[in-house]
Protein backbone atom coordinates (compact mmCIF):
# COMPACT_ATOMS: atom_id res chain seq x y z
CA UNK A 1 161.42 -119.71 30.62
CA UNK A 2 164.19 -117.78 28.91
CA UNK A 3 166.43 -119.08 26.13
CA UNK A 4 169.67 -117.22 25.51
CA UNK A 5 173.14 -117.74 24.17
CA UNK A 6 175.97 -116.54 26.39
CA UNK A 7 179.64 -116.44 25.40
CA UNK A 8 181.95 -115.92 28.33
CA UNK A 9 185.32 -114.40 27.38
CA UNK A 10 187.92 -114.40 30.12
CA UNK A 11 191.02 -112.25 29.78
CA UNK A 12 194.16 -111.78 31.84
CA UNK A 13 193.54 -108.10 32.39
CA UNK A 14 196.03 -105.44 33.32
CA UNK A 15 198.93 -106.11 35.63
CA UNK A 16 198.64 -104.99 39.23
CA UNK A 17 201.54 -103.77 41.27
CA UNK A 18 203.41 -106.64 42.95
CA UNK A 19 201.85 -109.44 40.85
CA UNK A 20 204.15 -112.36 39.86
CA UNK A 21 204.46 -114.24 36.56
CA UNK A 22 205.34 -111.40 34.20
CA UNK A 23 209.08 -111.92 34.44
CA UNK A 24 211.52 -114.79 34.71
CA UNK A 25 215.29 -115.10 35.30
CA UNK A 26 215.99 -113.67 31.81
CA UNK A 27 213.81 -110.58 32.22
CA UNK A 28 210.29 -109.98 30.81
CA UNK A 29 208.48 -113.23 30.07
CA UNK A 30 207.98 -113.58 26.27
CA UNK A 31 204.91 -115.26 24.75
CA UNK A 32 203.53 -115.96 21.27
CA UNK A 33 200.25 -114.29 20.32
CA UNK A 34 197.83 -114.47 17.35
CA UNK A 35 198.56 -110.82 16.56
CA UNK A 36 202.33 -110.85 16.06
CA UNK A 37 204.80 -113.19 14.42
CA UNK A 38 207.43 -112.59 17.06
CA UNK A 39 207.16 -113.23 20.80
CA UNK A 40 206.20 -110.20 22.89
CA UNK A 41 206.35 -109.54 26.66
CA UNK A 42 203.61 -111.33 28.60
CA UNK A 43 202.39 -108.07 30.20
CA UNK A 44 202.03 -106.40 26.79
CA UNK A 45 200.20 -109.46 25.39
CA UNK A 46 197.80 -109.41 28.36
CA UNK A 47 196.96 -105.76 27.77
CA UNK A 48 196.46 -106.20 24.00
CA UNK A 49 194.25 -109.24 24.53
CA UNK A 50 192.19 -107.45 27.16
CA UNK A 51 191.69 -104.42 24.90
CA UNK A 52 190.59 -106.61 21.99
CA UNK A 53 188.12 -108.50 24.16
CA UNK A 54 186.66 -105.26 25.48
CA UNK A 55 186.44 -103.55 22.08
CA UNK A 56 185.70 -106.37 19.64
CA UNK A 57 184.35 -109.47 21.35
CA UNK A 58 182.07 -108.37 24.20
CA UNK A 59 178.63 -106.83 24.63
CA UNK A 60 178.83 -106.26 28.36
CA UNK A 61 181.75 -106.08 30.76
CA UNK A 62 182.40 -107.41 34.25
CA UNK A 63 185.24 -105.55 35.90
CA UNK A 64 186.56 -107.74 38.72
CA UNK A 65 188.48 -105.89 41.40
CA UNK A 66 189.02 -106.39 45.10
CA UNK A 67 189.23 -104.67 48.42
CA UNK A 68 192.59 -106.32 49.08
CA UNK A 69 191.35 -109.14 51.32
CA UNK A 70 191.72 -112.03 48.85
CA UNK A 71 195.53 -111.98 48.50
CA UNK A 72 198.51 -110.50 50.25
CA UNK A 73 198.41 -107.53 47.83
CA UNK A 74 196.84 -104.35 49.26
CA UNK A 75 193.85 -102.54 47.75
CA UNK A 76 196.13 -99.77 46.41
CA UNK A 77 197.91 -102.26 44.10
CA UNK A 78 194.73 -102.74 42.06
CA UNK A 79 193.59 -99.13 41.66
CA UNK A 80 195.56 -98.16 38.51
CA UNK A 81 194.62 -101.29 36.54
CA UNK A 82 191.01 -101.07 37.71
CA UNK A 83 190.73 -97.46 36.59
CA UNK A 84 192.25 -98.16 33.15
CA UNK A 85 189.70 -100.92 32.43
CA UNK A 86 186.76 -98.77 33.56
CA UNK A 87 187.93 -95.82 31.46
CA UNK A 88 188.12 -98.00 28.34
CA UNK A 89 184.62 -99.38 28.91
CA UNK A 90 183.27 -95.88 29.47
CA UNK A 91 184.97 -94.62 26.34
CA UNK A 92 183.37 -97.40 24.27
CA UNK A 93 179.97 -96.83 25.91
CA UNK A 94 179.44 -100.50 26.72
CA UNK A 95 177.35 -101.56 29.74
CA UNK A 96 179.52 -102.83 32.55
CA UNK A 97 179.38 -103.82 36.18
CA UNK A 98 182.08 -103.69 38.84
CA UNK A 99 182.41 -106.83 40.96
CA UNK A 100 184.12 -106.07 44.26
CA UNK A 101 185.66 -109.38 45.33
CA UNK A 102 186.06 -109.69 49.09
CA UNK A 103 186.29 -112.37 51.73
CA UNK A 104 183.69 -110.38 53.69
CA UNK A 105 181.46 -108.72 51.08
CA UNK A 106 178.90 -107.40 53.56
CA UNK A 107 181.23 -105.83 56.13
CA UNK A 108 180.89 -102.07 56.83
CA UNK A 109 184.32 -101.46 55.31
CA UNK A 110 183.35 -103.24 52.06
CA UNK A 111 180.06 -101.35 51.88
CA UNK A 112 181.89 -98.06 52.37
CA UNK A 113 184.32 -98.91 49.56
CA UNK A 114 181.40 -99.92 47.36
CA UNK A 115 179.80 -96.48 47.84
CA UNK A 116 183.10 -94.77 47.01
CA UNK A 117 183.52 -96.75 43.78
CA UNK A 118 179.92 -96.13 42.69
CA UNK A 119 180.44 -92.42 43.19
CA UNK A 120 183.78 -92.50 41.38
CA UNK A 121 182.75 -94.53 38.33
CA UNK A 122 179.00 -93.72 38.25
CA UNK A 123 178.34 -97.44 37.85
CA UNK A 124 176.83 -100.22 39.90
CA UNK A 125 179.26 -102.06 42.20
CA UNK A 126 178.32 -105.52 43.52
CA UNK A 127 180.27 -106.93 46.49
CA UNK A 128 180.84 -110.69 46.13
CA UNK A 129 182.91 -113.51 47.49
CA UNK A 130 184.00 -115.20 44.24
CA UNK A 131 185.04 -118.38 46.04
CA UNK A 132 181.50 -118.87 47.34
CA UNK A 133 179.39 -117.78 44.35
CA UNK A 134 176.15 -119.72 43.83
CA UNK A 135 173.43 -119.72 41.18
CA UNK A 136 171.40 -117.03 42.98
CA UNK A 137 174.44 -114.74 43.10
CA UNK A 138 175.05 -115.21 39.36
CA UNK A 139 171.41 -114.44 38.56
CA UNK A 140 171.71 -111.27 40.65
CA UNK A 141 174.86 -110.19 38.79
CA UNK A 142 173.23 -110.70 35.38
CA UNK A 143 170.11 -108.84 36.51
CA UNK A 144 172.17 -105.91 37.78
CA UNK A 145 174.14 -105.57 34.56
CA UNK A 146 170.96 -105.50 32.50
CA UNK A 147 170.07 -102.29 34.33
CA UNK A 148 173.27 -100.80 32.91
CA UNK A 149 171.98 -101.03 29.33
CA UNK A 150 171.13 -97.70 27.68
CA UNK A 151 167.55 -96.48 27.61
CA UNK A 152 166.15 -96.58 24.06
CA UNK A 153 162.66 -95.29 24.76
CA UNK A 154 160.73 -93.98 27.75
CA UNK A 155 156.96 -93.79 27.42
CA UNK A 156 155.23 -91.59 30.00
CA UNK A 157 151.46 -91.95 29.95
CA UNK A 158 149.67 -88.91 31.33
CA UNK A 159 146.04 -89.17 32.48
CA UNK A 160 143.73 -89.55 29.49
CA UNK A 161 141.83 -86.37 30.34
CA UNK A 162 145.09 -84.39 30.32
CA UNK A 163 145.83 -85.58 26.78
CA UNK A 164 142.71 -83.80 25.45
CA UNK A 165 143.83 -80.44 26.83
CA UNK A 166 145.38 -77.92 24.48
CA UNK A 167 149.15 -78.14 24.10
CA UNK A 168 149.53 -74.69 25.71
CA UNK A 169 147.30 -75.44 28.70
CA UNK A 170 149.12 -74.68 31.95
CA UNK A 171 148.57 -78.14 33.45
CA UNK A 172 149.70 -80.03 30.36
CA UNK A 173 152.78 -77.83 30.03
CA UNK A 174 153.61 -78.30 33.70
CA UNK A 175 153.48 -82.09 33.43
CA UNK A 176 155.39 -82.16 30.16
CA UNK A 177 158.08 -79.87 31.60
CA UNK A 178 158.45 -82.23 34.57
CA UNK A 179 158.87 -85.16 32.16
CA UNK A 180 161.47 -83.32 30.07
CA UNK A 181 163.49 -82.27 33.11
CA UNK A 182 163.50 -85.82 34.49
CA UNK A 183 164.38 -87.45 31.16
CA UNK A 184 167.56 -85.38 30.80
CA UNK A 185 169.10 -87.38 33.68
CA UNK A 186 168.16 -90.78 32.27
CA UNK A 187 170.78 -92.53 30.19
CA UNK A 188 170.66 -96.07 31.63
CA UNK A 189 167.75 -98.22 32.70
CA UNK A 190 168.98 -97.97 36.27
CA UNK A 191 168.43 -94.22 36.13
CA UNK A 192 164.70 -94.49 35.43
CA UNK A 193 164.31 -93.81 39.15
CA UNK A 194 165.54 -90.26 38.53
CA UNK A 195 162.58 -89.67 36.23
CA UNK A 196 160.15 -91.26 38.69
CA UNK A 197 161.49 -89.06 41.50
CA UNK A 198 161.29 -85.91 39.35
CA UNK A 199 157.67 -86.64 38.45
CA UNK A 200 156.77 -87.48 42.04
CA UNK A 201 158.05 -84.07 43.19
CA UNK A 202 155.62 -82.26 40.85
CA UNK A 203 152.60 -80.98 42.80
CA UNK A 204 150.35 -81.82 39.84
CA UNK A 205 151.16 -85.54 40.22
CA UNK A 206 149.55 -87.83 42.78
CA UNK A 207 151.12 -91.15 41.78
CA UNK A 208 153.88 -92.46 39.48
CA UNK A 209 153.92 -96.14 38.56
CA UNK A 210 156.61 -97.99 36.58
CA UNK A 211 154.32 -100.25 34.55
CA UNK A 212 156.92 -102.13 32.54
CA UNK A 213 160.65 -102.17 31.95
CA UNK A 214 161.98 -104.30 29.10
CA UNK A 215 165.62 -104.81 30.01
CA UNK A 216 166.51 -106.52 26.74
CA UNK A 217 165.20 -103.72 24.50
CA UNK A 218 165.79 -100.72 26.76
CA UNK A 219 162.13 -99.70 26.89
CA UNK A 220 160.33 -98.33 29.94
CA UNK A 221 156.70 -97.35 30.41
CA UNK A 222 155.57 -95.05 33.22
CA UNK A 223 152.01 -94.11 34.18
CA UNK A 224 151.32 -90.78 35.85
CA UNK A 225 148.17 -89.96 37.84
CA UNK A 226 146.94 -86.49 38.77
CA UNK A 227 145.02 -85.51 41.92
CA UNK A 228 141.22 -85.69 41.66
CA UNK A 229 140.83 -82.05 42.68
CA UNK A 230 142.74 -80.99 39.55
CA UNK A 231 140.26 -82.84 37.35
CA UNK A 232 137.34 -80.93 38.85
CA UNK A 233 139.28 -77.68 38.71
CA UNK A 234 140.13 -78.06 35.01
CA UNK A 235 136.59 -79.21 34.24
CA UNK A 236 135.16 -76.14 35.99
CA UNK A 237 137.63 -73.98 34.09
CA UNK A 238 136.56 -75.43 30.74
CA UNK A 239 132.83 -75.21 31.52
CA UNK A 240 133.20 -71.71 33.05
CA UNK A 241 131.10 -72.87 35.99
CA UNK A 242 132.02 -74.57 39.23
CA UNK A 243 131.69 -78.35 39.13
CA UNK A 244 132.26 -80.23 42.35
CA UNK A 245 131.18 -83.83 42.36
CA UNK A 246 129.71 -86.36 39.99
CA UNK A 247 126.11 -85.36 40.69
CA UNK A 248 126.79 -81.78 39.56
CA UNK A 249 128.61 -83.08 36.49
CA UNK A 250 125.70 -85.36 35.54
CA UNK A 251 123.16 -82.54 35.87
CA UNK A 252 125.34 -80.20 33.84
CA UNK A 253 125.93 -82.79 31.13
CA UNK A 254 122.19 -83.28 30.75
CA UNK A 255 121.75 -79.54 30.28
CA UNK A 256 124.66 -79.37 27.85
CA UNK A 257 123.35 -82.34 25.87
CA UNK A 258 119.97 -80.66 25.51
CA UNK A 259 121.62 -77.40 24.49
CA UNK A 260 123.78 -79.22 21.93
CA UNK A 261 120.77 -80.96 20.41
CA UNK A 262 119.08 -77.59 19.98
CA UNK A 263 122.20 -75.94 18.62
CA UNK A 264 122.78 -78.75 16.10
CA UNK A 265 119.46 -77.76 14.53
CA UNK A 266 120.55 -74.19 13.88
CA UNK A 267 124.34 -74.37 13.55
CA UNK A 268 124.29 -74.52 9.74
CA UNK A 269 122.03 -71.49 9.57
CA UNK A 270 124.25 -69.60 12.02
CA UNK A 271 127.29 -70.42 9.90
CA UNK A 272 125.56 -69.31 6.69
CA UNK A 273 124.35 -66.07 8.25
CA UNK A 274 127.89 -65.28 9.32
CA UNK A 275 129.44 -66.17 5.96
CA UNK A 276 126.86 -65.03 3.39
CA UNK A 277 124.43 -63.00 5.51
CA UNK A 278 121.44 -65.33 5.33
CA UNK A 279 120.73 -68.70 6.90
CA UNK A 280 117.71 -70.98 7.06
CA UNK A 281 116.76 -73.56 9.68
CA UNK A 282 114.53 -76.09 7.90
CA UNK A 283 111.68 -77.65 9.88
CA UNK A 284 112.06 -81.12 11.30
CA UNK A 285 109.51 -83.89 10.98
CA UNK A 286 108.51 -83.43 14.62
CA UNK A 287 107.66 -79.77 13.96
CA UNK A 288 105.16 -80.53 11.19
CA UNK A 289 101.43 -80.15 11.88
CA UNK A 290 99.09 -82.07 9.58
CA UNK A 291 95.54 -80.78 8.99
CA UNK A 292 92.57 -83.04 8.36
CA UNK A 293 92.27 -84.19 4.75
CA UNK A 294 89.76 -82.11 2.75
CA UNK A 295 87.74 -83.25 -0.28
CA UNK A 296 87.91 -80.82 -3.15
CA UNK A 297 85.93 -80.69 -6.42
CA UNK A 298 86.93 -79.48 -9.81
CA UNK A 299 84.00 -79.88 -12.20
CA UNK A 300 83.07 -83.54 -12.23
CA UNK A 301 86.31 -84.55 -10.71
CA UNK A 302 87.11 -84.90 -7.01
CA UNK A 303 90.34 -84.98 -5.09
CA UNK A 304 91.80 -84.75 -1.64
CA UNK A 305 93.76 -81.78 -0.31
CA UNK A 306 96.39 -82.46 2.32
CA UNK A 307 97.81 -79.50 4.19
CA UNK A 308 100.83 -79.37 6.49
CA UNK A 309 102.61 -76.49 8.15
CA UNK A 310 105.90 -76.24 10.01
CA UNK A 311 107.98 -73.37 11.35
CA UNK A 312 111.17 -72.47 9.54
CA UNK A 313 113.62 -69.97 10.93
CA UNK A 314 115.36 -67.39 8.77
CA UNK A 315 118.51 -65.80 10.15
CA UNK A 316 119.64 -62.51 8.66
CA UNK A 317 122.95 -60.89 9.46
CA UNK A 318 122.57 -57.18 10.03
CA UNK A 319 125.77 -55.18 10.39
CA UNK A 320 124.97 -52.61 13.07
CA UNK A 321 127.09 -49.49 13.06
CA UNK A 322 127.79 -47.29 16.05
CA UNK A 323 129.57 -43.98 16.16
CA UNK A 324 131.05 -42.05 19.06
CA UNK A 325 131.73 -38.37 18.29
CA UNK A 326 132.42 -36.49 21.53
CA UNK A 327 132.56 -32.68 21.37
CA UNK A 328 135.43 -31.77 23.65
CA UNK A 329 136.32 -28.16 22.84
CA UNK A 330 138.85 -26.58 20.55
CA UNK A 331 140.44 -28.00 17.41
CA UNK A 332 143.73 -28.30 19.28
CA UNK A 333 142.12 -30.41 21.97
CA UNK A 334 140.52 -32.66 19.33
CA UNK A 335 143.86 -33.15 17.59
CA UNK A 336 145.49 -34.10 20.89
CA UNK A 337 142.73 -36.65 21.61
CA UNK A 338 143.09 -38.16 18.12
CA UNK A 339 146.86 -38.43 18.53
CA UNK A 340 146.44 -40.00 21.97
CA UNK A 341 143.97 -42.58 20.63
CA UNK A 342 146.26 -43.41 17.68
CA UNK A 343 149.23 -43.90 20.01
CA UNK A 344 147.18 -46.17 22.26
CA UNK A 345 145.95 -48.18 19.26
CA UNK A 346 149.49 -48.76 17.98
CA UNK A 347 150.82 -49.75 21.40
CA UNK A 348 147.90 -51.93 22.49
CA UNK A 349 144.77 -52.05 20.30
CA UNK A 350 142.70 -53.80 22.96
CA UNK A 351 143.56 -51.20 25.58
CA UNK A 352 142.10 -48.49 23.36
CA UNK A 353 138.58 -49.66 24.23
CA UNK A 354 139.26 -48.92 27.91
CA UNK A 355 139.93 -45.25 27.21
CA UNK A 356 137.69 -43.12 29.44
CA UNK A 357 135.60 -40.40 27.81
CA UNK A 358 133.06 -38.46 29.85
CA UNK A 359 133.12 -41.07 32.61
CA UNK A 360 132.56 -44.07 30.34
CA UNK A 361 134.92 -46.32 28.42
CA UNK A 362 134.85 -46.36 24.63
CA UNK A 363 133.74 -49.97 24.85
CA UNK A 364 130.65 -49.06 26.88
CA UNK A 365 129.79 -46.11 24.65
CA UNK A 366 129.94 -48.20 21.48
CA UNK A 367 128.02 -51.06 23.08
CA UNK A 368 125.24 -48.73 24.24
CA UNK A 369 124.98 -47.28 20.73
CA UNK A 370 124.60 -50.75 19.20
CA UNK A 371 122.07 -51.84 21.85
CA UNK A 372 119.93 -48.75 21.20
CA UNK A 373 119.82 -49.48 17.49
CA UNK A 374 118.96 -53.13 17.99
CA UNK A 375 115.80 -52.29 19.91
CA UNK A 376 114.84 -49.34 17.73
CA UNK A 377 112.85 -51.43 15.26
CA UNK A 378 109.17 -51.25 16.36
CA UNK A 379 107.12 -54.37 16.99
CA UNK A 380 104.69 -53.73 14.13
CA UNK A 381 107.59 -53.41 11.68
CA UNK A 382 108.99 -56.72 12.92
CA UNK A 383 105.60 -58.38 12.40
CA UNK A 384 105.21 -56.93 8.91
CA UNK A 385 108.69 -58.10 7.96
CA UNK A 386 107.86 -61.61 9.19
CA UNK A 387 104.57 -61.67 7.26
CA UNK A 388 106.27 -60.44 4.11
CA UNK A 389 108.92 -63.12 4.29
CA UNK A 390 106.26 -65.76 4.94
CA UNK A 391 104.34 -64.70 1.80
CA UNK A 392 107.48 -64.81 -0.31
CA UNK A 393 108.26 -68.34 0.86
CA UNK A 394 104.71 -69.76 0.60
CA UNK A 395 103.51 -67.98 -2.55
CA UNK A 396 106.77 -68.18 -4.43
CA UNK A 397 107.07 -64.50 -5.20
CA UNK A 398 110.55 -63.59 -6.36
CA UNK A 399 110.25 -59.83 -6.11
CA UNK A 400 110.23 -57.52 -3.12
CA UNK A 401 109.64 -53.79 -2.90
CA UNK A 402 110.41 -52.20 0.45
CA UNK A 403 109.42 -48.64 1.39
CA UNK A 404 111.08 -47.47 4.62
CA UNK A 405 109.26 -44.58 6.30
């Protein structure tokens, strides 16, 4: 059920060639109008009234023209007046519809003329037989003109999993570019199909659905679906491992969930070790081991000793240094190598690490130097360091003297 208020304003329109009634035996027919004190020619009054209706008193326009079958006037007699009315409506930007009045609205000739007018005016043209209009025809005309209203907002809903991708991700950019290219052609609600077609042509889109179109407010909502294979491809890309199928995803999620639970225990310590050089992972309640209560005696007094132990993890940041100092020959050769490395660093710092020296890249040489130092600390020194730290924590000693041999 729809309630609306409609005001129909009929106007004489512009004169067509060969029409009668604009002149009499004394010349131009003079009429009184609300706009002038003196009579003016009927043709001029008709044009002024039509212009005022179009500009000041209407929201939408129905341009009624004909193919020349309703009177003894040919089609060519109507063209100039028809074009003037359409140009004024286009200039004002008001929605309008062209009604092509014909005694045979569905004949091939009428349909051909309809196509010509739609191409010429870039507007919808509806063939009708005005003498035989019924309620269904009127509903169709009103529905068609609603599609001529301007688009106020177009909402394109991408798949939810696409929305969580980074703004620079190739798939998200591809879909958003397709939306932007399609939207540039959409000015009227009727042209929403251009956007739907543009999105459908994108190979990253499997389905485009027009969910809603609110003709009264100029709003349209479109839902876009992506092929299933793209979901698995992007998921594999994000996880850096191939995921094909729900069973693989479930297994991987279980592993990731377990890994996340473990990482959550140490993430604060990792952060602290990076920022301040030292981080501690406190023990959890599950890690604690309780010993049997023990009765103790102090003189005539007795008590109970309760002991508990739990592992705590101490993370220490150690800045490992590595140095590459190749002996290549003369001082001149060394200067040339230094200049070459400086030029490479200025042009592309990352490419510098790929520089080949003695059959190995700088990156590999530095990495090998760091690896050698990491495993240089003997096992007994590691154990002594652990025991020392344990004594400091448990016995509360605040001082530490280290002698490195």
